[in-house]
Amino acid sequence: TLSYTPPQHEFDAMVSARYNGIPIGSSKCSLTQAIRLHDLHQ
């Protein structure tokens, strides 16, 4: 759903967070929205 392909390390970090219970990928997750916008501060 993104307009870019992240580098390996960004993918890995997202997988680790998802593995540990952060619902990255869920439309209700604010982190999902921040990643979608590629807003590093957020």
PDB file of all heavy atoms in Angstrom:
ATOM      1  N   THR A   1       0.821  -1.214   0.000  1.00  0.00           N
ATOM      2  CA  THR A   1       0.000   0.000   0.000  1.00  0.00           C
ATOM      3  C   THR A   1       0.856   1.267   0.000  1.00  0.00           C
ATOM      4  O   THR A   1       0.305   2.363  -0.096  1.00  0.00           O
ATOM      5  CB  THR A   1      -0.942   0.036   1.226  1.00  0.00           C
ATOM      6  OG1 THR A   1      -0.171   0.259   2.422  1.00  0.00           O
ATOM      7  CG2 THR A   1      -1.749  -1.248   1.341  1.00  0.00           C
ATOM      8  N   LEU A   2       2.159   1.110   0.129  1.00  0.00           N
ATOM      9  CA  LEU A   2       3.045   2.271   0.191  1.00  0.00           C
ATOM     10  C   LEU A   2       3.504   2.681  -1.199  1.00  0.00           C
ATOM     11  O   LEU A   2       3.531   1.878  -2.129  1.00  0.00           O
ATOM     12  CB  LEU A   2       4.277   1.966   1.057  1.00  0.00           C
ATOM     13  CG  LEU A   2       4.033   1.593   2.512  1.00  0.00           C
ATOM     14  CD1 LEU A   2       5.364   1.355   3.215  1.00  0.00           C
ATOM     15  CD2 LEU A   2       3.230   2.662   3.234  1.00  0.00           C
ATOM     16  N   SER A   3       3.943   3.920  -1.306  1.00  0.00           N
ATOM     17  CA  SER A   3       4.447   4.420  -2.585  1.00  0.00           C
ATOM     18  C   SER A   3       5.964   4.268  -2.710  1.00  0.00           C
ATOM     19  O   SER A   3       6.557   4.795  -3.634  1.00  0.00           O
ATOM     20  CB  SER A   3       4.049   5.889  -2.757  1.00  0.00           C
ATOM     21  OG  SER A   3       4.587   6.649  -1.691  1.00  0.00           O
ATOM     22  N   TYR A   4       6.553   3.552  -1.776  1.00  0.00           N
ATOM     23  CA  TYR A   4       7.998   3.321  -1.819  1.00  0.00           C
ATOM     24  C   TYR A   4       8.297   1.939  -1.255  1.00  0.00           C
ATOM     25  O   TYR A   4       7.496   1.362  -0.535  1.00  0.00           O
ATOM     26  CB  TYR A   4       8.753   4.400  -1.034  1.00  0.00           C
ATOM     27  CG  TYR A   4       8.546   4.319   0.470  1.00  0.00           C
ATOM     28  CD1 TYR A   4       9.482   3.693   1.286  1.00  0.00           C
ATOM     29  CD2 TYR A   4       7.421   4.862   1.078  1.00  0.00           C
ATOM     30  CE1 TYR A   4       9.295   3.607   2.657  1.00  0.00           C
ATOM     31  CE2 TYR A   4       7.222   4.783   2.437  1.00  0.00           C
ATOM     32  CZ  TYR A   4       8.154   4.149   3.221  1.00  0.00           C
ATOM     33  OH  TYR A   4       7.961   4.055   4.578  1.00  0.00           O
ATOM     34  N   THR A   5       9.460   1.422  -1.585  1.00  0.00           N
ATOM     35  CA  THR A   5       9.915   0.158  -1.022  1.00  0.00           C
ATOM     36  C   THR A   5      10.980   0.483   0.020  1.00  0.00           C
ATOM     37  O   THR A   5      12.006   1.086  -0.320  1.00  0.00           O
ATOM     38  CB  THR A   5      10.514  -0.755  -2.113  1.00  0.00           C
ATOM     39  OG1 THR A   5       9.508  -0.981  -3.096  1.00  0.00           O
ATOM     40  CG2 THR A   5      10.983  -2.070  -1.529  1.00  0.00           C
ATOM     41  N   PRO A   6      10.746   0.102   1.257  1.00  0.00           N
ATOM     42  CA  PRO A   6      11.719   0.437   2.298  1.00  0.00           C
ATOM     43  C   PRO A   6      12.984  -0.408   2.173  1.00  0.00           C
ATOM     44  O   PRO A   6      12.957  -1.510   1.628  1.00  0.00           O
ATOM     45  CB  PRO A   6      10.978   0.098   3.590  1.00  0.00           C
ATOM     46  CG  PRO A   6      10.040  -0.984   3.199  1.00  0.00           C
ATOM     47  CD  PRO A   6       9.624  -0.673   1.793  1.00  0.00           C
ATOM     48  N   PRO A   7      14.096   0.094   2.701  1.00  0.00           N
ATOM     49  CA  PRO A   7      15.310  -0.726   2.750  1.00  0.00           C
ATOM     50  C   PRO A   7      15.133  -1.870   3.745  1.00  0.00           C
ATOM     51  O   PRO A   7      14.209  -1.855   4.568  1.00  0.00           O
ATOM     52  CB  PRO A   7      16.399   0.250   3.193  1.00  0.00           C
ATOM     53  CG  PRO A   7      15.678   1.393   3.829  1.00  0.00           C
ATOM     54  CD  PRO A   7      14.306   1.440   3.234  1.00  0.00           C
ATOM     55  N   GLN A   8      16.014  -2.844   3.676  1.00  0.00           N
ATOM     56  CA  GLN A   8      15.927  -4.039   4.518  1.00  0.00           C
ATOM     57  C   GLN A   8      15.800  -3.700   6.001  1.00  0.00           C
ATOM     58  O   GLN A   8      14.995  -4.288   6.715  1.00  0.00           O
ATOM     59  CB  GLN A   8      17.152  -4.937   4.290  1.00  0.00           C
ATOM     60  CG  GLN A   8      17.120  -6.242   5.082  1.00  0.00           C
ATOM     61  CD  GLN A   8      16.043  -7.193   4.590  1.00  0.00           C
ATOM     62  OE1 GLN A   8      15.917  -7.416   3.403  1.00  0.00           O
ATOM     63  NE2 GLN A   8      15.265  -7.748   5.503  1.00  0.00           N
ATOM     64  N   HIS A   9      16.586  -2.745   6.477  1.00  0.00           N
ATOM     65  CA  HIS A   9      16.576  -2.453   7.914  1.00  0.00           C
ATOM     66  C   HIS A   9      15.234  -1.876   8.370  1.00  0.00           C
ATOM     67  O   HIS A   9      14.787  -2.162   9.481  1.00  0.00           O
ATOM     68  CB  HIS A   9      17.754  -1.557   8.332  1.00  0.00           C
ATOM     69  CG  HIS A   9      17.798  -0.225   7.666  1.00  0.00           C
ATOM     70  ND1 HIS A   9      17.204   0.884   8.204  1.00  0.00           N
ATOM     71  CD2 HIS A   9      18.377   0.168   6.504  1.00  0.00           C
ATOM     72  CE1 HIS A   9      17.414   1.928   7.411  1.00  0.00           C
ATOM     73  NE2 HIS A   9      18.111   1.515   6.369  1.00  0.00           N
ATOM     74  N   GLU A  10      14.562  -1.101   7.546  1.00  0.00           N
ATOM     75  CA  GLU A  10      13.238  -0.601   7.919  1.00  0.00           C
ATOM     76  C   GLU A  10      12.236  -1.753   7.972  1.00  0.00           C
ATOM     77  O   GLU A  10      11.417  -1.843   8.899  1.00  0.00           O
ATOM     78  CB  GLU A  10      12.756   0.471   6.937  1.00  0.00           C
ATOM     79  CG  GLU A  10      13.466   1.793   7.086  1.00  0.00           C
ATOM     80  CD  GLU A  10      12.940   2.866   6.142  1.00  0.00           C
ATOM     81  OE1 GLU A  10      11.829   2.710   5.568  1.00  0.00           O
ATOM     82  OE2 GLU A  10      13.642   3.876   5.964  1.00  0.00           O
ATOM     83  N   PHE A  11      12.291  -2.632   6.989  1.00  0.00           N
ATOM     84  CA  PHE A  11      11.425  -3.804   6.983  1.00  0.00           C
ATOM     85  C   PHE A  11      11.658  -4.641   8.241  1.00  0.00           C
ATOM     86  O   PHE A  11      10.708  -5.032   8.919  1.00  0.00           O
ATOM     87  CB  PHE A  11      11.701  -4.642   5.727  1.00  0.00           C
ATOM     88  CG  PHE A  11      10.962  -5.953   5.703  1.00  0.00           C
ATOM     89  CD1 PHE A  11       9.628  -6.014   5.341  1.00  0.00           C
ATOM     90  CD2 PHE A  11      11.612  -7.131   6.035  1.00  0.00           C
ATOM     91  CE1 PHE A  11       8.945  -7.230   5.317  1.00  0.00           C
ATOM     92  CE2 PHE A  11      10.940  -8.349   6.019  1.00  0.00           C
ATOM     93  CZ  PHE A  11       9.598  -8.400   5.658  1.00  0.00           C
ATOM     94  N   ASP A  12      12.919  -4.901   8.547  1.00  0.00           N
ATOM     95  CA  ASP A  12      13.252  -5.702   9.727  1.00  0.00           C
ATOM     96  C   ASP A  12      12.697  -5.084  11.001  1.00  0.00           C
ATOM     97  O   ASP A  12      12.135  -5.778  11.849  1.00  0.00           O
ATOM     98  CB  ASP A  12      14.766  -5.875   9.858  1.00  0.00           C
ATOM     99  CG  ASP A  12      15.352  -6.904   8.902  1.00  0.00           C
ATOM    100  OD1 ASP A  12      14.577  -7.646   8.253  1.00  0.00           O
ATOM    101  OD2 ASP A  12      16.590  -6.976   8.830  1.00  0.00           O
ATOM    102  N   ALA A  13      12.840  -3.782  11.146  1.00  0.00           N
ATOM    103  CA  ALA A  13      12.343  -3.110  12.348  1.00  0.00           C
ATOM    104  C   ALA A  13      10.826  -3.236  12.446  1.00  0.00           C
ATOM    105  O   ALA A  13      10.284  -3.483  13.534  1.00  0.00           O
ATOM    106  CB  ALA A  13      12.768  -1.638  12.345  1.00  0.00           C
ATOM    107  N   MET A  14      10.142  -3.109  11.316  1.00  0.00           N
ATOM    108  CA  MET A  14       8.687  -3.258  11.330  1.00  0.00           C
ATOM    109  C   MET A  14       8.289  -4.687  11.697  1.00  0.00           C
ATOM    110  O   MET A  14       7.334  -4.899  12.464  1.00  0.00           O
ATOM    111  CB  MET A  14       8.095  -2.879   9.973  1.00  0.00           C
ATOM    112  CG  MET A  14       8.099  -1.392   9.701  1.00  0.00           C
ATOM    113  SD  MET A  14       7.218  -0.970   8.176  1.00  0.00           S
ATOM    114  CE  MET A  14       8.545  -1.061   6.975  1.00  0.00           C
ATOM    115  N   VAL A  15       9.008  -5.679  11.186  1.00  0.00           N
ATOM    116  CA  VAL A  15       8.715  -7.074  11.514  1.00  0.00           C
ATOM    117  C   VAL A  15       8.932  -7.322  13.005  1.00  0.00           C
ATOM    118  O   VAL A  15       8.112  -7.961  13.666  1.00  0.00           O
ATOM    119  CB  VAL A  15       9.550  -8.049  10.653  1.00  0.00           C
ATOM    120  CG1 VAL A  15       9.451  -9.479  11.178  1.00  0.00           C
ATOM    121  CG2 VAL A  15       9.108  -7.987   9.194  1.00  0.00           C
ATOM    122  N   SER A  16      10.030  -6.810  13.559  1.00  0.00           N
ATOM    123  CA  SER A  16      10.294  -6.981  14.984  1.00  0.00           C
ATOM    124  C   SER A  16       9.173  -6.391  15.820  1.00  0.00           C
ATOM    125  O   SER A  16       8.683  -7.010  16.767  1.00  0.00           O
ATOM    126  CB  SER A  16      11.625  -6.331  15.367  1.00  0.00           C
ATOM    127  OG  SER A  16      11.838  -6.437  16.766  1.00  0.00           O
ATOM    128  N   ALA A  17       8.759  -5.188  15.468  1.00  0.00           N
ATOM    129  CA  ALA A  17       7.690  -4.530  16.215  1.00  0.00           C
ATOM    130  C   ALA A  17       6.383  -5.310  16.095  1.00  0.00           C
ATOM    131  O   ALA A  17       5.679  -5.506  17.090  1.00  0.00           O
ATOM    132  CB  ALA A  17       7.514  -3.102  15.707  1.00  0.00           C
ATOM    133  N   ARG A  18       6.071  -5.776  14.897  1.00  0.00           N
ATOM    134  CA  ARG A  18       4.844  -6.559  14.697  1.00  0.00           C
ATOM    135  C   ARG A  18       4.916  -7.867  15.488  1.00  0.00           C
ATOM    136  O   ARG A  18       3.955  -8.277  16.128  1.00  0.00           O
ATOM    137  CB  ARG A  18       4.632  -6.826  13.202  1.00  0.00           C
ATOM    138  CG  ARG A  18       3.378  -7.590  12.878  1.00  0.00           C
ATOM    139  CD  ARG A  18       2.150  -6.722  13.086  1.00  0.00           C
ATOM    140  NE  ARG A  18       0.964  -7.566  13.224  1.00  0.00           N
ATOM    141  CZ  ARG A  18      -0.257  -7.146  12.990  1.00  0.00           C
ATOM    142  NH1 ARG A  18      -0.475  -5.896  12.617  1.00  0.00           N
ATOM    143  NH2 ARG A  18      -1.273  -7.947  13.148  1.00  0.00           N
ATOM    144  N   TYR A  19       6.063  -8.522  15.447  1.00  0.00           N
ATOM    145  CA  TYR A  19       6.284  -9.767  16.194  1.00  0.00           C
ATOM    146  C   TYR A  19       6.015  -9.542  17.679  1.00  0.00           C
ATOM    147  O   TYR A  19       5.473 -10.403  18.360  1.00  0.00           O
ATOM    148  CB  TYR A  19       7.730 -10.215  15.983  1.00  0.00           C
ATOM    149  CG  TYR A  19       8.114 -11.517  16.645  1.00  0.00           C
ATOM    150  CD1 TYR A  19       8.137 -12.696  15.916  1.00  0.00           C
ATOM    151  CD2 TYR A  19       8.483 -11.581  17.981  1.00  0.00           C
ATOM    152  CE1 TYR A  19       8.505 -13.906  16.495  1.00  0.00           C
ATOM    153  CE2 TYR A  19       8.841 -12.777  18.582  1.00  0.00           C
ATOM    154  CZ  TYR A  19       8.858 -13.932  17.834  1.00  0.00           C
ATOM    155  OH  TYR A  19       9.231 -15.129  18.415  1.00  0.00           O
ATOM    156  N   ASN A  20       6.374  -8.360  18.157  1.00  0.00           N
ATOM    157  CA  ASN A  20       6.251  -8.046  19.578  1.00  0.00           C
ATOM    158  C   ASN A  20       4.930  -7.352  19.927  1.00  0.00           C
ATOM    159  O   ASN A  20       4.771  -6.841  21.016  1.00  0.00           O
ATOM    160  CB  ASN A  20       7.448  -7.199  20.017  1.00  0.00           C
ATOM    161  CG  ASN A  20       7.580  -7.074  21.510  1.00  0.00           C
ATOM    162  OD1 ASN A  20       7.595  -5.973  22.035  1.00  0.00           O
ATOM    163  ND2 ASN A  20       7.686  -8.190  22.219  1.00  0.00           N
ATOM    164  N   GLY A  21       3.986  -7.355  19.001  1.00  0.00           N
ATOM    165  CA  GLY A  21       2.647  -6.907  19.342  1.00  0.00           C
ATOM    166  C   GLY A  21       2.208  -5.542  18.860  1.00  0.00           C
ATOM    167  O   GLY A  21       1.060  -5.151  19.087  1.00  0.00           O
ATOM    168  N   ILE A  22       3.060  -4.783  18.191  1.00  0.00           N
ATOM    169  CA  ILE A  22       2.621  -3.497  17.649  1.00  0.00           C
ATOM    170  C   ILE A  22       1.864  -3.781  16.355  1.00  0.00           C
ATOM    171  O   ILE A  22       2.398  -4.415  15.452  1.00  0.00           O
ATOM    172  CB  ILE A  22       3.809  -2.549  17.383  1.00  0.00           C
ATOM    173  CG1 ILE A  22       4.559  -2.246  18.681  1.00  0.00           C
ATOM    174  CG2 ILE A  22       3.319  -1.258  16.740  1.00  0.00           C
ATOM    175  CD1 ILE A  22       5.778  -1.368  18.505  1.00  0.00           C
ATOM    176  N   PRO A  23       0.632  -3.299  16.235  1.00  0.00           N
ATOM    177  CA  PRO A  23      -0.186  -3.663  15.069  1.00  0.00           C
ATOM    178  C   PRO A  23       0.128  -2.876  13.798  1.00  0.00           C
ATOM    179  O   PRO A  23      -0.764  -2.344  13.127  1.00  0.00           O
ATOM    180  CB  PRO A  23      -1.613  -3.406  15.562  1.00  0.00           C
ATOM    181  CG  PRO A  23      -1.456  -2.293  16.546  1.00  0.00           C
ATOM    182  CD  PRO A  23      -0.127  -2.536  17.218  1.00  0.00           C
ATOM    183  N   ILE A  24       1.407  -2.813  13.439  1.00  0.00           N
ATOM    184  CA  ILE A  24       1.778  -2.154  12.184  1.00  0.00           C
ATOM    185  C   ILE A  24       1.052  -2.880  11.051  1.00  0.00           C
ATOM    186  O   ILE A  24       1.052  -4.100  10.981  1.00  0.00           O
ATOM    187  CB  ILE A  24       3.301  -2.187  11.943  1.00  0.00           C
ATOM    188  CG1 ILE A  24       4.018  -1.383  13.024  1.00  0.00           C
ATOM    189  CG2 ILE A  24       3.649  -1.642  10.556  1.00  0.00           C
ATOM    190  CD1 ILE A  24       5.532  -1.462  12.953  1.00  0.00           C
ATOM    191  N   GLY A  25       0.444  -2.099  10.181  1.00  0.00           N
ATOM    192  CA  GLY A  25      -0.350  -2.653   9.101  1.00  0.00           C
ATOM    193  C   GLY A  25      -1.832  -2.434   9.333  1.00  0.00           C
ATOM    194  O   GLY A  25      -2.621  -2.416   8.396  1.00  0.00           O
ATOM    195  N   SER A  26      -2.219  -2.243  10.583  1.00  0.00           N
ATOM    196  CA  SER A  26      -3.615  -1.960  10.916  1.00  0.00           C
ATOM    197  C   SER A  26      -3.905  -0.489  10.621  1.00  0.00           C
ATOM    198  O   SER A  26      -3.119   0.397  10.989  1.00  0.00           O
ATOM    199  CB  SER A  26      -3.870  -2.251  12.391  1.00  0.00           C
ATOM    200  OG  SER A  26      -5.101  -1.695  12.799  1.00  0.00           O
ATOM    201  N   SER A  27      -5.022  -0.232   9.990  1.00  0.00           N
ATOM    202  CA  SER A  27      -5.368   1.153   9.650  1.00  0.00           C
ATOM    203  C   SER A  27      -5.633   2.000  10.886  1.00  0.00           C
ATOM    204  O   SER A  27      -5.585   3.224  10.821  1.00  0.00           O
ATOM    205  CB  SER A  27      -6.599   1.174   8.737  1.00  0.00           C
ATOM    206  OG  SER A  27      -7.703   0.597   9.401  1.00  0.00           O
ATOM    207  N   LYS A  28      -5.893   1.368  12.026  1.00  0.00           N
ATOM    208  CA  LYS A  28      -6.167   2.106  13.260  1.00  0.00           C
ATOM    209  C   LYS A  28      -4.900   2.445  14.043  1.00  0.00           C
ATOM    210  O   LYS A  28      -4.957   3.144  15.043  1.00  0.00           O
ATOM    211  CB  LYS A  28      -7.120   1.306  14.138  1.00  0.00           C
ATOM    212  CG  LYS A  28      -8.477   1.127  13.511  1.00  0.00           C
ATOM    213  CD  LYS A  28      -9.384   0.302  14.373  1.00  0.00           C
ATOM    214  CE  LYS A  28     -10.721   0.121  13.676  1.00  0.00           C
ATOM    215  NZ  LYS A  28     -11.619  -0.733  14.420  1.00  0.00           N
ATOM    216  N   CYS A  29      -3.767   1.948  13.612  1.00  0.00           N
ATOM    217  CA  CYS A  29      -2.504   2.163  14.324  1.00  0.00           C
ATOM    218  C   CYS A  29      -1.849   3.459  13.842  1.00  0.00           C
ATOM    219  O   CYS A  29      -1.579   3.626  12.646  1.00  0.00           O
ATOM    220  CB  CYS A  29      -1.588   0.959  14.087  1.00  0.00           C
ATOM    221  SG  CYS A  29       0.042   1.110  14.829  1.00  0.00           S
ATOM    222  N   SER A  30      -1.581   4.364  14.780  1.00  0.00           N
ATOM    223  CA  SER A  30      -0.963   5.643  14.411  1.00  0.00           C
ATOM    224  C   SER A  30       0.431   5.446  13.812  1.00  0.00           C
ATOM    225  O   SER A  30       0.851   6.215  12.945  1.00  0.00           O
ATOM    226  CB  SER A  30      -0.908   6.578  15.620  1.00  0.00           C
ATOM    227  OG  SER A  30      -0.165   5.982  16.670  1.00  0.00           O
ATOM    228  N   LEU A  31       1.140   4.397  14.242  1.00  0.00           N
ATOM    229  CA  LEU A  31       2.461   4.126  13.677  1.00  0.00           C
ATOM    230  C   LEU A  31       2.339   3.725  12.209  1.00  0.00           C
ATOM    231  O   LEU A  31       3.161   4.128  11.376  1.00  0.00           O
ATOM    232  CB  LEU A  31       3.187   3.046  14.489  1.00  0.00           C
ATOM    233  CG  LEU A  31       4.584   2.660  14.018  1.00  0.00           C
ATOM    234  CD1 LEU A  31       5.505   3.875  13.882  1.00  0.00           C
ATOM    235  CD2 LEU A  31       5.186   1.636  14.976  1.00  0.00           C
ATOM    236  N   THR A  32       1.314   2.964  11.874  1.00  0.00           N
ATOM    237  CA  THR A  32       1.064   2.604  10.478  1.00  0.00           C
ATOM    238  C   THR A  32       0.922   3.867   9.629  1.00  0.00           C
ATOM    239  O   THR A  32       1.521   3.979   8.556  1.00  0.00           O
ATOM    240  CB  THR A  32      -0.220   1.748  10.349  1.00  0.00           C
ATOM    241  OG1 THR A  32      -0.032   0.538  11.063  1.00  0.00           O
ATOM    242  CG2 THR A  32      -0.546   1.444   8.898  1.00  0.00           C
ATOM    243  N   GLN A  33       0.149   4.813  10.125  1.00  0.00           N
ATOM    244  CA  GLN A  33      -0.085   6.059   9.380  1.00  0.00           C
ATOM    245  C   GLN A  33       1.209   6.865   9.235  1.00  0.00           C
ATOM    246  O   GLN A  33       1.472   7.427   8.170  1.00  0.00           O
ATOM    247  CB  GLN A  33      -1.175   6.890  10.067  1.00  0.00           C
ATOM    248  CG  GLN A  33      -2.505   6.183  10.197  1.00  0.00           C
ATOM    249  CD  GLN A  33      -2.995   5.553   8.902  1.00  0.00           C
ATOM    250  OE1 GLN A  33      -2.880   6.140   7.829  1.00  0.00           O
ATOM    251  NE2 GLN A  33      -3.516   4.342   8.992  1.00  0.00           N
ATOM    252  N   ALA A  34       2.008   6.914  10.290  1.00  0.00           N
ATOM    253  CA  ALA A  34       3.273   7.654  10.230  1.00  0.00           C
ATOM    254  C   ALA A  34       4.223   7.025   9.212  1.00  0.00           C
ATOM    255  O   ALA A  34       4.888   7.743   8.446  1.00  0.00           O
ATOM    256  CB  ALA A  34       3.921   7.695  11.617  1.00  0.00           C
ATOM    257  N   ILE A  35       4.288   5.692   9.185  1.00  0.00           N
ATOM    258  CA  ILE A  35       5.144   5.006   8.211  1.00  0.00           C
ATOM    259  C   ILE A  35       4.621   5.258   6.803  1.00  0.00           C
ATOM    260  O   ILE A  35       5.388   5.513   5.879  1.00  0.00           O
ATOM    261  CB  ILE A  35       5.242   3.503   8.527  1.00  0.00           C
ATOM    262  CG1 ILE A  35       6.004   3.284   9.835  1.00  0.00           C
ATOM    263  CG2 ILE A  35       5.919   2.742   7.378  1.00  0.00           C
ATOM    264  CD1 ILE A  35       5.936   1.863  10.387  1.00  0.00           C
ATOM    265  N   ARG A  36       3.318   5.197   6.646  1.00  0.00           N
ATOM    266  CA  ARG A  36       2.704   5.448   5.339  1.00  0.00           C
ATOM    267  C   ARG A  36       3.105   6.835   4.811  1.00  0.00           C
ATOM    268  O   ARG A  36       3.374   7.014   3.633  1.00  0.00           O
ATOM    269  CB  ARG A  36       1.180   5.327   5.440  1.00  0.00           C
ATOM    270  CG  ARG A  36       0.455   5.437   4.119  1.00  0.00           C
ATOM    271  CD  ARG A  36      -1.052   5.344   4.264  1.00  0.00           C
ATOM    272  NE  ARG A  36      -1.533   4.205   5.014  1.00  0.00           N
ATOM    273  CZ  ARG A  36      -1.561   2.941   4.583  1.00  0.00           C
ATOM    274  NH1 ARG A  36      -1.109   2.653   3.392  1.00  0.00           N
ATOM    275  NH2 ARG A  36      -2.029   1.975   5.350  1.00  0.00           N
ATOM    276  N   LEU A  37       3.141   7.815   5.713  1.00  0.00           N
ATOM    277  CA  LEU A  37       3.510   9.189   5.333  1.00  0.00           C
ATOM    278  C   LEU A  37       5.021   9.384   5.256  1.00  0.00           C
ATOM    279  O   LEU A  37       5.486  10.438   4.831  1.00  0.00           O
ATOM    280  CB  LEU A  37       2.907  10.181   6.322  1.00  0.00           C
ATOM    281  CG  LEU A  37       1.381  10.231   6.365  1.00  0.00           C
ATOM    282  CD1 LEU A  37       0.915  11.104   7.522  1.00  0.00           C
ATOM    283  CD2 LEU A  37       0.826  10.733   5.039  1.00  0.00           C
ATOM    284  N   HIS A  38       5.762   8.388   5.713  1.00  0.00           N
ATOM    285  CA  HIS A  38       7.230   8.451   5.742  1.00  0.00           C
ATOM    286  C   HIS A  38       7.701   9.674   6.540  1.00  0.00           C
ATOM    287  O   HIS A  38       8.655  10.369   6.177  1.00  0.00           O
ATOM    288  CB  HIS A  38       7.785   8.461   4.311  1.00  0.00           C
ATOM    289  CG  HIS A  38       9.123   7.814   4.192  1.00  0.00           C
ATOM    290  ND1 HIS A  38       9.358   6.505   4.522  1.00  0.00           N
ATOM    291  CD2 HIS A  38      10.319   8.298   3.777  1.00  0.00           C
ATOM    292  CE1 HIS A  38      10.622   6.215   4.321  1.00  0.00           C
ATOM    293  NE2 HIS A  38      11.228   7.279   3.873  1.00  0.00           N
ATOM    294  N   ASP A  39       7.007   9.924   7.659  1.00  0.00           N
ATOM    295  CA  ASP A  39       7.274  11.069   8.532  1.00  0.00           C
ATOM    296  C   ASP A  39       8.117  10.580   9.711  1.00  0.00           C
ATOM    297  O   ASP A  39       7.586  10.042  10.690  1.00  0.00           O
ATOM    298  CB  ASP A  39       5.940  11.646   9.011  1.00  0.00           C
ATOM    299  CG  ASP A  39       6.091  12.848   9.930  1.00  0.00           C
ATOM    300  OD1 ASP A  39       7.164  13.027  10.546  1.00  0.00           O
ATOM    301  OD2 ASP A  39       5.110  13.606  10.058  1.00  0.00           O
ATOM    302  N   LEU A  40       9.426  10.762   9.615  1.00  0.00           N
ATOM    303  CA  LEU A  40      10.346  10.202  10.598  1.00  0.00           C
ATOM    304  C   LEU A  40      10.074  10.705  12.016  1.00  0.00           C
ATOM    305  O   LEU A  40      10.105   9.924  12.970  1.00  0.00           O
ATOM    306  CB  LEU A  40      11.800  10.477  10.203  1.00  0.00           C
ATOM    307  CG  LEU A  40      12.847   9.775  11.049  1.00  0.00           C
ATOM    308  CD1 LEU A  40      12.638   8.259  11.071  1.00  0.00           C
ATOM    309  CD2 LEU A  40      14.243  10.107  10.538  1.00  0.00           C
ATOM    310  N   HIS A  41       9.777  11.975  12.158  1.00  0.00           N
ATOM    311  CA  HIS A  41       9.492  12.512  13.492  1.00  0.00           C
ATOM    312  C   HIS A  41       8.274  11.805  14.095  1.00  0.00           C
ATOM    313  O   HIS A  41       8.295  11.382  15.259  1.00  0.00           O
ATOM    314  CB  HIS A  41       9.256  14.023  13.436  1.00  0.00           C
ATOM    315  CG  HIS A  41       8.828  14.610  14.744  1.00  0.00           C
ATOM    316  ND1 HIS A  41       9.685  14.757  15.808  1.00  0.00           N
ATOM    317  CD2 HIS A  41       7.615  15.048  15.167  1.00  0.00           C
ATOM    318  CE1 HIS A  41       9.023  15.267  16.831  1.00  0.00           C
ATOM    319  NE2 HIS A  41       7.772  15.450  16.472  1.00  0.00           N
ATOM    320  N   GLN A  42       7.222  11.659  13.328  1.00  0.00           N
ATOM    321  CA  GLN A  42       6.000  11.005  13.804  1.00  0.00           C
ATOM    322  C   GLN A  42       6.234   9.511  14.030  1.00  0.00           C
ATOM    323  O   GLN A  42       5.684   8.932  14.973  1.00  0.00           O
ATOM    324  CB  GLN A  42       4.854  11.237  12.803  1.00  0.00           C
ATOM    325  CG  GLN A  42       3.488  10.996  13.362  1.00  0.00           C
ATOM    326  CD  GLN A  42       3.117  11.949  14.486  1.00  0.00           C
ATOM    327  OE1 GLN A  42       3.706  13.012  14.675  1.00  0.00           O
ATOM    328  NE2 GLN A  42       2.134  11.568  15.272  1.00  0.00           N
TER     329      GLN A  42
END
